[in-house]
Structure formats: C-alpha cells, structure tokens
Amino acid sequence: MLKHMLENAAQTWRKKQLIRAEVASAIGEYNLSETAEDIYIFAAASKANISNIRQHSYFANKSHSTIKRAVIELKTHNLLKSVEDTIDRRVQWLIPTD
C-alpha cells in the first residue's frame, strides 16, 4: 500500500515538474512570483475570481493580500484581465489574455 502511494506521489511530482517547465517557458520572461504563476495556471484551468481562489484548498496558506498582489502582478504584465460578470456586476472574472 505504502509503495503504491509513493509511486503515485512520484508520478504526480514528475507531472508537476513538466507542467512547471511548460509554464516557465511560456511566461518565464516576466519573472513572476510562485503565487502569481499558480494563480495564472488556476485562472487558465477554470473560471476564477479572487474569492474562489481564496476558497480553493491549494491556496489555503496564502493570505488575501498575497493573492491580490499576485493578481495585480499578472495584470501589470497583461497576462490576466478582469471581465465583469453578466449577472452580478460586483464579480470580476480573471481571464488569461491571448
């Protein structure tokens, strides 16, 4: 059981490293913080706003201000843009730019 769990963890780690390398080659020129990279990937993978980023278990150890700083960092580099929700105008969705 433990051996199987460790093999799964090793496979997951290798996949994470491959994805990190792909992301680094795509946005490496911007010298982003690790939190900003994670938020960029999260926003690209799913519909995201600051509230649901904060509520996700992956970002549980990140403060609200750290997440906001990372979002501002991404917006400054024009990697993310905010799009107003069609129903609730208070919600700003974070969309990766093309």
C-alpha atoms as a PDB file:
ATOM      1  CA  MET A   1       0.000   0.000   0.000  1.00  0.00           C
ATOM      2  CA  LEU A   2       2.712   2.465   1.017  1.00  0.00           C
ATOM      3  CA  LYS A   3       4.863   1.543  -2.006  1.00  0.00           C
ATOM      4  CA  HIS A   4       1.923   2.169  -4.354  1.00  0.00           C
ATOM      5  CA  MET A   5       1.203   5.514  -2.683  1.00  0.00           C
ATOM      6  CA  LEU A   6       4.840   6.574  -3.047  1.00  0.00           C
ATOM      7  CA  GLU A   7       4.867   5.580  -6.727  1.00  0.00           C
ATOM      8  CA  ASN A   8       1.745   7.702  -7.302  1.00  0.00           C
ATOM      9  CA  ALA A   9       3.356  10.620  -5.494  1.00  0.00           C
ATOM     10  CA  ALA A  10       6.481  10.298  -7.646  1.00  0.00           C
ATOM     11  CA  GLN A  11       4.403  10.282 -10.838  1.00  0.00           C
ATOM     12  CA  THR A  12       2.456  13.322  -9.673  1.00  0.00           C
ATOM     13  CA  TRP A  13       5.698  15.125  -8.838  1.00  0.00           C
ATOM     14  CA  ARG A  14       7.113  14.423 -12.317  1.00  0.00           C
ATOM     15  CA  LYS A  15       3.901  15.730 -13.936  1.00  0.00           C
ATOM     16  CA  LYS A  16       4.054  18.857 -11.797  1.00  0.00           C
ATOM     17  CA  GLN A  17       7.671  19.459 -12.834  1.00  0.00           C
ATOM     18  CA  LEU A  18       6.782  19.054 -16.524  1.00  0.00           C
ATOM     19  CA  ILE A  19       3.892  21.492 -16.207  1.00  0.00           C
ATOM     20  CA  ARG A  20       6.077  23.970 -14.319  1.00  0.00           C
ATOM     21  CA  ALA A  21       8.673  23.754 -17.117  1.00  0.00           C
ATOM     22  CA  GLU A  22       5.986  24.441 -19.742  1.00  0.00           C
ATOM     23  CA  VAL A  23       4.669  27.406 -17.776  1.00  0.00           C
ATOM     24  CA  ALA A  24       8.184  28.746 -17.222  1.00  0.00           C
ATOM     25  CA  SER A  25       8.884  28.622 -20.947  1.00  0.00           C
ATOM     26  CA  ALA A  26       5.604  30.407 -21.695  1.00  0.00           C
ATOM     27  CA  ILE A  27       5.753  33.144 -19.057  1.00  0.00           C
ATOM     28  CA  GLY A  28       9.330  32.892 -17.798  1.00  0.00           C
ATOM     29  CA  GLU A  29      10.329  36.252 -19.238  1.00  0.00           C
ATOM     30  CA  TYR A  30       8.147  38.026 -16.670  1.00  0.00           C
ATOM     31  CA  ASN A  31       9.951  36.695 -13.578  1.00  0.00           C
ATOM     32  CA  LEU A  32       6.695  36.137 -11.685  1.00  0.00           C
ATOM     33  CA  SER A  33       6.348  35.078  -8.077  1.00  0.00           C
ATOM     34  CA  GLU A  34       5.386  31.467  -7.448  1.00  0.00           C
ATOM     35  CA  THR A  35       1.950  32.582  -6.231  1.00  0.00           C
ATOM     36  CA  ALA A  36       1.388  34.573  -9.428  1.00  0.00           C
ATOM     37  CA  GLU A  37       2.360  31.558 -11.545  1.00  0.00           C
ATOM     38  CA  ASP A  38      -0.032  29.341  -9.574  1.00  0.00           C
ATOM     39  CA  ILE A  39      -2.872  31.841  -9.961  1.00  0.00           C
ATOM     40  CA  TYR A  40      -2.174  32.169 -13.687  1.00  0.00           C
ATOM     41  CA  ILE A  41      -2.419  28.380 -14.086  1.00  0.00           C
ATOM     42  CA  PHE A  42      -5.552  28.256 -11.911  1.00  0.00           C
ATOM     43  CA  ALA A  43      -7.237  31.016 -13.961  1.00  0.00           C
ATOM     44  CA  ALA A  44      -6.311  29.279 -17.210  1.00  0.00           C
ATOM     45  CA  ALA A  45      -7.714  25.971 -15.974  1.00  0.00           C
ATOM     46  CA  SER A  46     -11.029  27.211 -14.594  1.00  0.00           C
ATOM     47  CA  LYS A  47     -13.245  30.229 -14.201  1.00  0.00           C
ATOM     48  CA  ALA A  48     -11.609  32.229 -11.424  1.00  0.00           C
ATOM     49  CA  ASN A  49     -12.016  35.296  -9.277  1.00  0.00           C
ATOM     50  CA  ILE A  50     -10.195  36.312  -6.116  1.00  0.00           C
ATOM     51  CA  SER A  51     -12.914  34.831  -3.889  1.00  0.00           C
ATOM     52  CA  ASN A  52     -12.854  31.339  -5.367  1.00  0.00           C
ATOM     53  CA  ILE A  53      -9.047  31.393  -5.499  1.00  0.00           C
ATOM     54  CA  ARG A  54      -9.008  32.102  -1.753  1.00  0.00           C
ATOM     55  CA  GLN A  55     -11.537  29.332  -1.093  1.00  0.00           C
ATOM     56  CA  HIS A  56      -9.579  26.697  -3.013  1.00  0.00           C
ATOM     57  CA  SER A  57      -7.636  24.335  -0.761  1.00  0.00           C
ATOM     58  CA  TYR A  58      -4.419  24.815  -2.773  1.00  0.00           C
ATOM     59  CA  PHE A  59      -4.315  28.486  -1.760  1.00  0.00           C
ATOM     60  CA  ALA A  60      -5.325  27.904   1.881  1.00  0.00           C
ATOM     61  CA  ASN A  61      -1.932  29.035   3.166  1.00  0.00           C
ATOM     62  CA  LYS A  62      -1.976  32.283   1.115  1.00  0.00           C
ATOM     63  CA  SER A  63      -3.388  35.469   2.577  1.00  0.00           C
ATOM     64  CA  HIS A  64      -5.956  37.602   0.799  1.00  0.00           C
ATOM     65  CA  SER A  65      -3.390  40.373   0.296  1.00  0.00           C
ATOM     66  CA  THR A  66      -0.824  37.944  -1.180  1.00  0.00           C
ATOM     67  CA  ILE A  67      -3.399  36.738  -3.699  1.00  0.00           C
ATOM     68  CA  LYS A  68      -4.384  40.298  -4.563  1.00  0.00           C
ATOM     69  CA  ARG A  69      -0.717  41.283  -5.059  1.00  0.00           C
ATOM     70  CA  ALA A  70      -0.212  38.294  -7.356  1.00  0.00           C
ATOM     71  CA  VAL A  71      -3.305  39.215  -9.394  1.00  0.00           C
ATOM     72  CA  ILE A  72      -2.065  42.808  -9.704  1.00  0.00           C
ATOM     73  CA  GLU A  73       1.329  41.476 -10.784  1.00  0.00           C
ATOM     74  CA  LEU A  74      -0.333  39.398 -13.520  1.00  0.00           C
ATOM     75  CA  LYS A  75      -2.482  42.329 -14.639  1.00  0.00           C
ATOM     76  CA  THR A  76       0.567  44.617 -14.758  1.00  0.00           C
ATOM     77  CA  HIS A  77       2.221  42.212 -17.191  1.00  0.00           C
ATOM     78  CA  ASN A  78      -1.042  41.944 -19.174  1.00  0.00           C
ATOM     79  CA  LEU A  79      -1.246  38.206 -18.503  1.00  0.00           C
ATOM     80  CA  LEU A  80      -4.685  38.459 -16.881  1.00  0.00           C
ATOM     81  CA  LYS A  81      -7.619  40.737 -17.465  1.00  0.00           C
ATOM     82  CA  SER A  82     -10.793  41.288 -15.460  1.00  0.00           C
ATOM     83  CA  VAL A  83     -14.161  40.693 -17.054  1.00  0.00           C
ATOM     84  CA  GLU A  84     -17.332  41.799 -15.304  1.00  0.00           C
ATOM     85  CA  ASP A  85     -19.902  39.090 -14.614  1.00  0.00           C
ATOM     86  CA  THR A  86     -23.076  39.383 -16.680  1.00  0.00           C
ATOM     87  CA  ILE A  87     -25.381  38.770 -13.712  1.00  0.00           C
ATOM     88  CA  ASP A  88     -23.559  40.196 -10.682  1.00  0.00           C
ATOM     89  CA  ARG A  89     -21.562  43.286 -11.611  1.00  0.00           C
ATOM     90  CA  ARG A  90     -19.565  43.061  -8.369  1.00  0.00           C
ATOM     91  CA  VAL A  91     -17.863  39.866  -9.561  1.00  0.00           C
ATOM     92  CA  GLN A  92     -14.747  40.287 -11.702  1.00  0.00           C
ATOM     93  CA  TRP A  93     -13.652  37.109 -13.501  1.00  0.00           C
ATOM     94  CA  LEU A  94      -9.939  36.711 -14.155  1.00  0.00           C
ATOM     95  CA  ILE A  95      -9.253  35.668 -17.734  1.00  0.00           C
ATOM     96  CA  PRO A  96      -5.790  34.958 -19.208  1.00  0.00           C
ATOM     97  CA  THR A  97      -5.064  37.287 -22.103  1.00  0.00           C
ATOM     98  CA  ASP A  98      -4.350  35.902 -25.555  1.00  0.00           C
END
